[in-house]
Amino acid sequence: MSDIDHEIRIAAAPARVFQALTTADDLAAWYTPTVDGTGAVGSEWRFRFTGRPEFRWQIVAADPARHVEWRCVAGPGDSAGTRVSYDISQTPDGRAVVVCTHAGWPDAGGNFRKCNTIWGGLMHHLKDYVESGRPRPAFA
C-alpha cells in the first residue's frame, strides 16, 4: 500500500482549521463550491466538480480541533476505499500544523500521482482561506 502525505502550517488556531474541514460552507470556500453534506460522523460529503468526476466521502471521525478522517466511497479509478485524514496540532507560537494523509492506495501509480499533486495544491488553498477569510476554491 502507498500513502500520500502533506504538511502545512497555518497562522490560525487549530479550532478554526477544524471548522474549515468540517462545515459545508467552509469546504466550499477552499475546496470546491459544490459541496453537499452535514459534516456529521457517519454521513457523507459529496464533492462535485465541473468537468471532473464526483467524489463521495464518508465521514469516519471528527475529533474537534485534532483529527478529521474521511473514507472514499465513490470516486474515479482506484480512489474508492482510500482514506484521507487531517491531523491538527499547534506550534508554540500558536499556528496550526495540518498533516494530511491520503492512505490505502494499492500502489504509487495511476491516480496516486495525480492525487498527490492535487492534495498539495488543496493544502495551500486551505491555508490561504483560513488565514485570509477570502473564498478561493481550488476547483471553482
N, C-alpha and C. Protein backbone atom coordinates (compact mmCIF):
# COMPACT_ATOMS: atom_id res chain seq x y z
N MET A 1 0.84 -1.18 0.00
CA MET A 1 0.00 0.00 0.00
C MET A 1 0.88 1.25 0.00
N SER A 2 0.38 2.31 -0.63
CA SER A 2 1.10 3.58 -0.69
C SER A 2 0.25 4.68 -0.07
N ASP A 3 0.94 5.66 0.55
CA ASP A 3 0.25 6.78 1.18
C ASP A 3 0.80 8.09 0.64
N ILE A 4 -0.06 9.09 0.59
CA ILE A 4 0.30 10.46 0.25
C ILE A 4 0.33 11.24 1.55
N ASP A 5 1.38 12.00 1.78
CA ASP A 5 1.50 12.81 3.00
C ASP A 5 1.87 14.24 2.65
N HIS A 6 1.17 15.19 3.26
CA HIS A 6 1.48 16.61 3.13
C HIS A 6 1.37 17.26 4.49
N GLU A 7 2.19 18.27 4.74
CA GLU A 7 2.13 19.03 5.98
C GLU A 7 2.17 20.51 5.65
N ILE A 8 1.35 21.28 6.37
CA ILE A 8 1.36 22.73 6.17
C ILE A 8 1.10 23.41 7.50
N ARG A 9 1.68 24.58 7.67
CA ARG A 9 1.48 25.40 8.87
C ARG A 9 0.57 26.57 8.50
N ILE A 10 -0.41 26.80 9.36
CA ILE A 10 -1.43 27.82 9.09
C ILE A 10 -1.48 28.78 10.27
N ALA A 11 -1.44 30.07 9.98
CA ALA A 11 -1.49 31.10 11.03
C ALA A 11 -2.93 31.25 11.53
N ALA A 12 -3.36 30.25 12.30
CA ALA A 12 -4.71 30.24 12.86
C ALA A 12 -4.75 29.20 13.96
N ALA A 13 -5.75 29.28 14.79
CA ALA A 13 -5.94 28.30 15.85
C ALA A 13 -6.41 26.97 15.24
N PRO A 14 -6.03 25.85 15.84
CA PRO A 14 -6.49 24.56 15.35
C PRO A 14 -8.01 24.46 15.23
N ALA A 15 -8.75 25.11 16.11
CA ALA A 15 -10.22 25.06 16.04
C ALA A 15 -10.73 25.67 14.74
N ARG A 16 -10.08 26.72 14.27
CA ARG A 16 -10.51 27.35 13.00
C ARG A 16 -10.23 26.43 11.82
N VAL A 17 -9.09 25.75 11.84
CA VAL A 17 -8.77 24.80 10.78
C VAL A 17 -9.78 23.64 10.80
N PHE A 18 -10.08 23.14 11.98
CA PHE A 18 -11.06 22.07 12.13
C PHE A 18 -12.39 22.48 11.49
N GLN A 19 -12.83 23.70 11.77
CA GLN A 19 -14.09 24.20 11.18
C GLN A 19 -14.02 24.20 9.67
N ALA A 20 -12.88 24.61 9.11
CA ALA A 20 -12.73 24.67 7.65
C ALA A 20 -12.76 23.29 7.01
N LEU A 21 -12.51 22.25 7.81
CA LEU A 21 -12.52 20.87 7.31
C LEU A 21 -13.84 20.14 7.58
N THR A 22 -14.75 20.77 8.33
CA THR A 22 -15.93 20.04 8.78
C THR A 22 -17.26 20.73 8.53
N THR A 23 -17.26 21.87 7.84
CA THR A 23 -18.53 22.53 7.51
C THR A 23 -18.62 22.73 6.00
N ALA A 24 -19.81 22.56 5.47
CA ALA A 24 -20.01 22.66 4.01
C ALA A 24 -19.63 24.05 3.49
N ASP A 25 -20.01 25.10 4.19
CA ASP A 25 -19.70 26.46 3.72
C ASP A 25 -18.19 26.68 3.65
N ASP A 26 -17.47 26.21 4.65
CA ASP A 26 -16.02 26.38 4.64
C ASP A 26 -15.35 25.51 3.58
N LEU A 27 -15.78 24.26 3.44
CA LEU A 27 -15.22 23.40 2.38
C LEU A 27 -15.45 24.02 1.00
N ALA A 28 -16.63 24.61 0.81
CA ALA A 28 -16.94 25.25 -0.47
C ALA A 28 -16.04 26.45 -0.74
N ALA A 29 -15.53 27.06 0.31
CA ALA A 29 -14.71 28.26 0.16
C ALA A 29 -13.28 27.95 -0.27
N TRP A 30 -12.78 26.73 0.02
CA TRP A 30 -11.40 26.43 -0.35
C TRP A 30 -11.24 25.20 -1.24
N TYR A 31 -12.22 24.29 -1.26
CA TYR A 31 -12.09 23.04 -2.00
C TYR A 31 -12.84 23.13 -3.32
N THR A 32 -14.15 22.98 -3.27
CA THR A 32 -15.00 23.10 -4.46
C THR A 32 -16.30 23.75 -4.04
N PRO A 33 -16.85 24.64 -4.85
CA PRO A 33 -18.06 25.34 -4.43
C PRO A 33 -19.30 24.45 -4.35
N THR A 34 -19.23 23.26 -4.89
CA THR A 34 -20.40 22.38 -4.89
C THR A 34 -20.17 21.24 -3.90
N VAL A 35 -20.59 21.49 -2.66
CA VAL A 35 -20.43 20.54 -1.55
C VAL A 35 -21.81 20.27 -0.96
N ASP A 36 -22.11 19.01 -0.78
CA ASP A 36 -23.34 18.62 -0.10
C ASP A 36 -22.98 17.74 1.08
N GLY A 37 -23.66 17.96 2.21
CA GLY A 37 -23.46 17.15 3.40
C GLY A 37 -23.57 17.98 4.65
N THR A 38 -23.66 17.28 5.78
CA THR A 38 -23.84 17.95 7.06
C THR A 38 -22.57 17.99 7.89
N GLY A 39 -21.62 17.11 7.60
CA GLY A 39 -20.41 17.03 8.39
C GLY A 39 -20.50 16.10 9.58
N ALA A 40 -21.65 15.46 9.77
CA ALA A 40 -21.82 14.55 10.90
C ALA A 40 -21.06 13.25 10.66
N VAL A 41 -20.44 12.73 11.70
CA VAL A 41 -19.76 11.45 11.60
C VAL A 41 -20.76 10.38 11.16
N GLY A 42 -20.38 9.57 10.18
CA GLY A 42 -21.25 8.55 9.61
C GLY A 42 -21.97 9.00 8.36
N SER A 43 -22.09 10.31 8.16
CA SER A 43 -22.73 10.83 6.95
C SER A 43 -21.69 10.96 5.85
N GLU A 44 -22.09 11.52 4.73
CA GLU A 44 -21.18 11.65 3.59
C GLU A 44 -21.07 13.10 3.13
N TRP A 45 -19.87 13.43 2.65
CA TRP A 45 -19.66 14.63 1.86
C TRP A 45 -19.77 14.22 0.40
N ARG A 46 -20.39 15.05 -0.39
CA ARG A 46 -20.45 14.85 -1.84
C ARG A 46 -19.82 16.09 -2.47
N PHE A 47 -18.71 15.87 -3.17
CA PHE A 47 -18.00 16.95 -3.83
C PHE A 47 -18.18 16.80 -5.33
N ARG A 48 -18.72 17.85 -5.98
CA ARG A 48 -18.90 17.84 -7.42
C ARG A 48 -18.00 18.90 -8.05
N PHE A 49 -17.55 18.60 -9.25
CA PHE A 49 -16.59 19.45 -9.95
C PHE A 49 -17.01 19.59 -11.40
N THR A 50 -16.77 20.73 -11.99
CA THR A 50 -17.04 20.94 -13.40
C THR A 50 -16.01 20.17 -14.23
N GLY A 51 -16.49 19.26 -15.07
CA GLY A 51 -15.62 18.52 -15.97
C GLY A 51 -14.75 17.47 -15.30
N ARG A 52 -15.06 17.11 -14.06
CA ARG A 52 -14.28 16.11 -13.32
C ARG A 52 -15.24 15.14 -12.64
N PRO A 53 -14.76 13.96 -12.29
CA PRO A 53 -15.62 13.00 -11.59
C PRO A 53 -16.02 13.49 -10.20
N GLU A 54 -17.17 13.07 -9.78
CA GLU A 54 -17.67 13.37 -8.43
C GLU A 54 -16.98 12.46 -7.42
N PHE A 55 -16.80 12.98 -6.20
CA PHE A 55 -16.30 12.18 -5.08
C PHE A 55 -17.35 12.17 -3.98
N ARG A 56 -17.47 11.02 -3.33
CA ARG A 56 -18.27 10.91 -2.11
C ARG A 56 -17.37 10.34 -1.02
N TRP A 57 -17.36 11.01 0.13
CA TRP A 57 -16.52 10.62 1.26
C TRP A 57 -17.39 10.41 2.49
N GLN A 58 -17.29 9.25 3.10
CA GLN A 58 -17.96 9.02 4.37
C GLN A 58 -17.10 9.64 5.47
N ILE A 59 -17.74 10.36 6.36
CA ILE A 59 -17.02 10.98 7.47
C ILE A 59 -16.86 9.92 8.56
N VAL A 60 -15.62 9.53 8.79
CA VAL A 60 -15.30 8.45 9.73
C VAL A 60 -15.04 9.00 11.13
N ALA A 61 -14.38 10.16 11.22
CA ALA A 61 -14.03 10.74 12.51
C ALA A 61 -13.97 12.25 12.41
N ALA A 62 -14.33 12.91 13.50
CA ALA A 62 -14.22 14.36 13.61
C ALA A 62 -14.01 14.69 15.08
N ASP A 63 -12.76 14.67 15.51
CA ASP A 63 -12.37 14.95 16.89
C ASP A 63 -12.01 16.43 16.94
N PRO A 64 -12.84 17.26 17.56
CA PRO A 64 -12.67 18.71 17.48
C PRO A 64 -11.23 19.20 17.65
N ALA A 65 -10.84 19.98 16.63
CA ALA A 65 -9.55 20.67 16.57
C ALA A 65 -8.35 19.73 16.61
N ARG A 66 -8.55 18.40 16.36
CA ARG A 66 -7.41 17.48 16.41
C ARG A 66 -7.34 16.52 15.23
N HIS A 67 -8.47 15.99 14.81
CA HIS A 67 -8.41 14.92 13.81
C HIS A 67 -9.73 14.87 13.02
N VAL A 68 -9.60 14.73 11.71
CA VAL A 68 -10.73 14.54 10.81
C VAL A 68 -10.34 13.40 9.87
N GLU A 69 -11.29 12.50 9.61
CA GLU A 69 -10.98 11.40 8.69
C GLU A 69 -12.19 11.10 7.82
N TRP A 70 -11.90 10.88 6.53
CA TRP A 70 -12.92 10.52 5.55
C TRP A 70 -12.50 9.24 4.84
N ARG A 71 -13.50 8.44 4.43
CA ARG A 71 -13.25 7.24 3.61
C ARG A 71 -13.95 7.44 2.28
N CYS A 72 -13.22 7.27 1.18
CA CYS A 72 -13.79 7.46 -0.15
C CYS A 72 -14.73 6.31 -0.47
N VAL A 73 -16.00 6.63 -0.71
CA VAL A 73 -16.98 5.61 -1.06
C VAL A 73 -17.33 5.64 -2.54
N ALA A 74 -16.97 6.72 -3.23
CA ALA A 74 -17.19 6.80 -4.68
C ALA A 74 -16.24 7.84 -5.25
N GLY A 75 -15.52 7.41 -6.28
CA GLY A 75 -14.58 8.31 -6.94
C GLY A 75 -13.95 7.58 -8.10
N PRO A 76 -13.14 8.26 -8.88
CA PRO A 76 -12.57 7.66 -10.07
C PRO A 76 -11.46 6.65 -9.75
N GLY A 77 -11.25 5.74 -10.69
CA GLY A 77 -10.13 4.81 -10.61
C GLY A 77 -10.08 4.03 -9.32
N ASP A 78 -8.89 3.98 -8.73
CA ASP A 78 -8.68 3.20 -7.52
C ASP A 78 -8.79 4.03 -6.24
N SER A 79 -9.49 5.16 -6.30
CA SER A 79 -9.62 6.01 -5.12
C SER A 79 -10.65 5.48 -4.12
N ALA A 80 -11.69 4.79 -4.59
CA ALA A 80 -12.69 4.24 -3.66
C ALA A 80 -12.02 3.28 -2.69
N GLY A 81 -12.32 3.46 -1.42
CA GLY A 81 -11.73 2.63 -0.37
C GLY A 81 -10.53 3.27 0.30
N THR A 82 -9.97 4.33 -0.30
CA THR A 82 -8.85 5.03 0.34
C THR A 82 -9.40 5.92 1.45
N ARG A 83 -8.50 6.41 2.31
CA ARG A 83 -8.89 7.27 3.42
C ARG A 83 -8.03 8.52 3.44
N VAL A 84 -8.66 9.64 3.77
CA VAL A 84 -7.94 10.89 3.98
C VAL A 84 -8.10 11.27 5.44
N SER A 85 -6.98 11.57 6.08
CA SER A 85 -7.03 12.06 7.46
C SER A 85 -6.30 13.39 7.55
N TYR A 86 -6.79 14.23 8.43
CA TYR A 86 -6.17 15.51 8.73
C TYR A 86 -5.88 15.49 10.22
N ASP A 87 -4.62 15.52 10.59
CA ASP A 87 -4.23 15.61 11.98
C ASP A 87 -3.76 17.03 12.24
N ILE A 88 -4.37 17.66 13.24
CA ILE A 88 -4.15 19.07 13.51
C ILE A 88 -3.50 19.22 14.89
N SER A 89 -2.41 19.96 14.94
CA SER A 89 -1.76 20.27 16.21
C SER A 89 -1.41 21.75 16.21
N GLN A 90 -0.82 22.19 17.31
CA GLN A 90 -0.49 23.61 17.44
C GLN A 90 0.98 23.79 17.75
N THR A 91 1.61 24.77 17.10
CA THR A 91 3.01 25.10 17.37
C THR A 91 3.08 25.99 18.62
N PRO A 92 4.24 26.12 19.22
CA PRO A 92 4.38 27.00 20.39
C PRO A 92 3.99 28.45 20.11
N ASP A 93 4.13 28.88 18.85
CA ASP A 93 3.77 30.27 18.52
C ASP A 93 2.30 30.41 18.11
N GLY A 94 1.50 29.36 18.27
CA GLY A 94 0.05 29.46 18.05
C GLY A 94 -0.44 29.07 16.68
N ARG A 95 0.44 28.72 15.76
CA ARG A 95 -0.01 28.30 14.44
C ARG A 95 -0.51 26.86 14.49
N ALA A 96 -1.38 26.54 13.55
CA ALA A 96 -1.85 25.16 13.40
C ALA A 96 -0.94 24.43 12.43
N VAL A 97 -0.66 23.18 12.74
CA VAL A 97 0.06 22.29 11.83
C VAL A 97 -0.95 21.26 11.36
N VAL A 98 -1.10 21.12 10.04
CA VAL A 98 -2.02 20.15 9.48
C VAL A 98 -1.21 19.11 8.71
N VAL A 99 -1.36 17.86 9.09
CA VAL A 99 -0.77 16.76 8.36
C VAL A 99 -1.92 16.04 7.65
N CYS A 100 -1.88 16.07 6.34
CA CYS A 100 -2.91 15.43 5.51
C CYS A 100 -2.31 14.14 4.95
N THR A 101 -2.97 13.03 5.23
CA THR A 101 -2.52 11.73 4.73
C THR A 101 -3.65 11.09 3.94
N HIS A 102 -3.37 10.73 2.71
CA HIS A 102 -4.33 10.01 1.87
C HIS A 102 -3.78 8.59 1.75
N ALA A 103 -4.36 7.67 2.51
CA ALA A 103 -3.80 6.33 2.69
C ALA A 103 -4.65 5.26 2.01
N GLY A 104 -3.98 4.13 1.78
CA GLY A 104 -4.67 2.95 1.28
C GLY A 104 -4.63 2.75 -0.21
N TRP A 105 -3.75 3.46 -0.91
CA TRP A 105 -3.62 3.28 -2.34
C TRP A 105 -2.98 1.92 -2.62
N PRO A 106 -3.45 1.22 -3.63
CA PRO A 106 -2.88 -0.10 -3.92
C PRO A 106 -1.42 -0.03 -4.39
N ASP A 107 -1.03 1.09 -5.01
CA ASP A 107 0.35 1.27 -5.45
C ASP A 107 0.58 2.76 -5.72
N ALA A 108 1.77 3.12 -6.13
CA ALA A 108 2.12 4.52 -6.35
C ALA A 108 1.93 4.96 -7.80
N GLY A 109 1.15 4.24 -8.58
CA GLY A 109 0.89 4.61 -9.96
C GLY A 109 -0.51 5.19 -10.11
N GLY A 110 -0.94 5.33 -11.33
CA GLY A 110 -2.31 5.77 -11.64
C GLY A 110 -2.72 7.05 -10.96
N ASN A 111 -3.89 7.03 -10.31
CA ASN A 111 -4.44 8.22 -9.67
C ASN A 111 -3.62 8.69 -8.47
N PHE A 112 -2.78 7.83 -7.92
CA PHE A 112 -1.94 8.20 -6.79
C PHE A 112 -1.13 9.45 -7.11
N ARG A 113 -0.46 9.47 -8.24
CA ARG A 113 0.38 10.61 -8.61
C ARG A 113 -0.44 11.89 -8.78
N LYS A 114 -1.56 11.75 -9.47
CA LYS A 114 -2.43 12.91 -9.69
C LYS A 114 -2.94 13.45 -8.36
N CYS A 115 -3.40 12.56 -7.49
CA CYS A 115 -3.92 12.99 -6.20
C CYS A 115 -2.84 13.61 -5.31
N ASN A 116 -1.62 13.11 -5.42
CA ASN A 116 -0.53 13.69 -4.65
C ASN A 116 -0.38 15.17 -5.01
N THR A 117 -0.38 15.48 -6.28
CA THR A 117 -0.26 16.86 -6.74
C THR A 117 -1.47 17.68 -6.29
N ILE A 118 -2.66 17.12 -6.44
CA ILE A 118 -3.88 17.84 -6.07
C ILE A 118 -3.90 18.16 -4.58
N TRP A 119 -3.56 17.18 -3.74
CA TRP A 119 -3.57 17.44 -2.29
C TRP A 119 -2.59 18.55 -1.90
N GLY A 120 -1.44 18.59 -2.55
CA GLY A 120 -0.50 19.68 -2.27
C GLY A 120 -1.13 21.04 -2.54
N GLY A 121 -1.80 21.16 -3.68
CA GLY A 121 -2.48 22.40 -4.01
C GLY A 121 -3.63 22.70 -3.07
N LEU A 122 -4.39 21.67 -2.72
CA LEU A 122 -5.53 21.86 -1.81
C LEU A 122 -5.08 22.38 -0.44
N MET A 123 -3.95 21.89 0.05
CA MET A 123 -3.48 22.35 1.36
C MET A 123 -3.15 23.84 1.33
N HIS A 124 -2.65 24.32 0.19
CA HIS A 124 -2.39 25.76 0.08
C HIS A 124 -3.68 26.56 -0.03
N HIS A 125 -4.69 26.01 -0.67
CA HIS A 125 -6.00 26.69 -0.70
C HIS A 125 -6.60 26.74 0.70
N LEU A 126 -6.49 25.66 1.46
CA LEU A 126 -6.96 25.65 2.85
C LEU A 126 -6.25 26.74 3.64
N LYS A 127 -4.94 26.79 3.56
CA LYS A 127 -4.14 27.79 4.28
C LYS A 127 -4.56 29.21 3.90
N ASP A 128 -4.63 29.48 2.61
CA ASP A 128 -5.00 30.83 2.14
C ASP A 128 -6.38 31.23 2.65
N TYR A 129 -7.33 30.31 2.59
CA TYR A 129 -8.69 30.62 3.03
C TYR A 129 -8.73 30.87 4.54
N VAL A 130 -8.16 29.97 5.32
CA VAL A 130 -8.22 30.12 6.78
C VAL A 130 -7.51 31.40 7.22
N GLU A 131 -6.38 31.72 6.63
CA GLU A 131 -5.64 32.90 7.04
C GLU A 131 -6.27 34.21 6.57
N SER A 132 -6.88 34.21 5.39
CA SER A 132 -7.41 35.46 4.84
C SER A 132 -8.91 35.63 5.02
N GLY A 133 -9.63 34.50 5.12
CA GLY A 133 -11.09 34.57 5.17
C GLY A 133 -11.74 34.78 3.81
N ARG A 134 -10.93 34.87 2.76
CA ARG A 134 -11.45 35.09 1.41
C ARG A 134 -11.64 33.76 0.70
N PRO A 135 -12.85 33.48 0.25
CA PRO A 135 -13.07 32.23 -0.51
C PRO A 135 -12.30 32.24 -1.82
N ARG A 136 -11.67 31.11 -2.10
CA ARG A 136 -10.97 30.90 -3.38
C ARG A 136 -10.86 29.39 -3.57
N PRO A 137 -11.97 28.75 -3.94
CA PRO A 137 -11.94 27.30 -4.06
C PRO A 137 -10.98 26.84 -5.15
N ALA A 138 -10.32 25.72 -4.89
CA ALA A 138 -9.37 25.15 -5.85
C ALA A 138 -10.04 24.75 -7.15
N PHE A 139 -11.27 24.31 -7.07
CA PHE A 139 -12.00 23.84 -8.24
C PHE A 139 -13.20 24.72 -8.49
N ALA A 140 -12.97 25.99 -8.75
CA ALA A 140 -14.06 26.96 -8.98
C ALA A 140 -14.63 26.79 -10.38
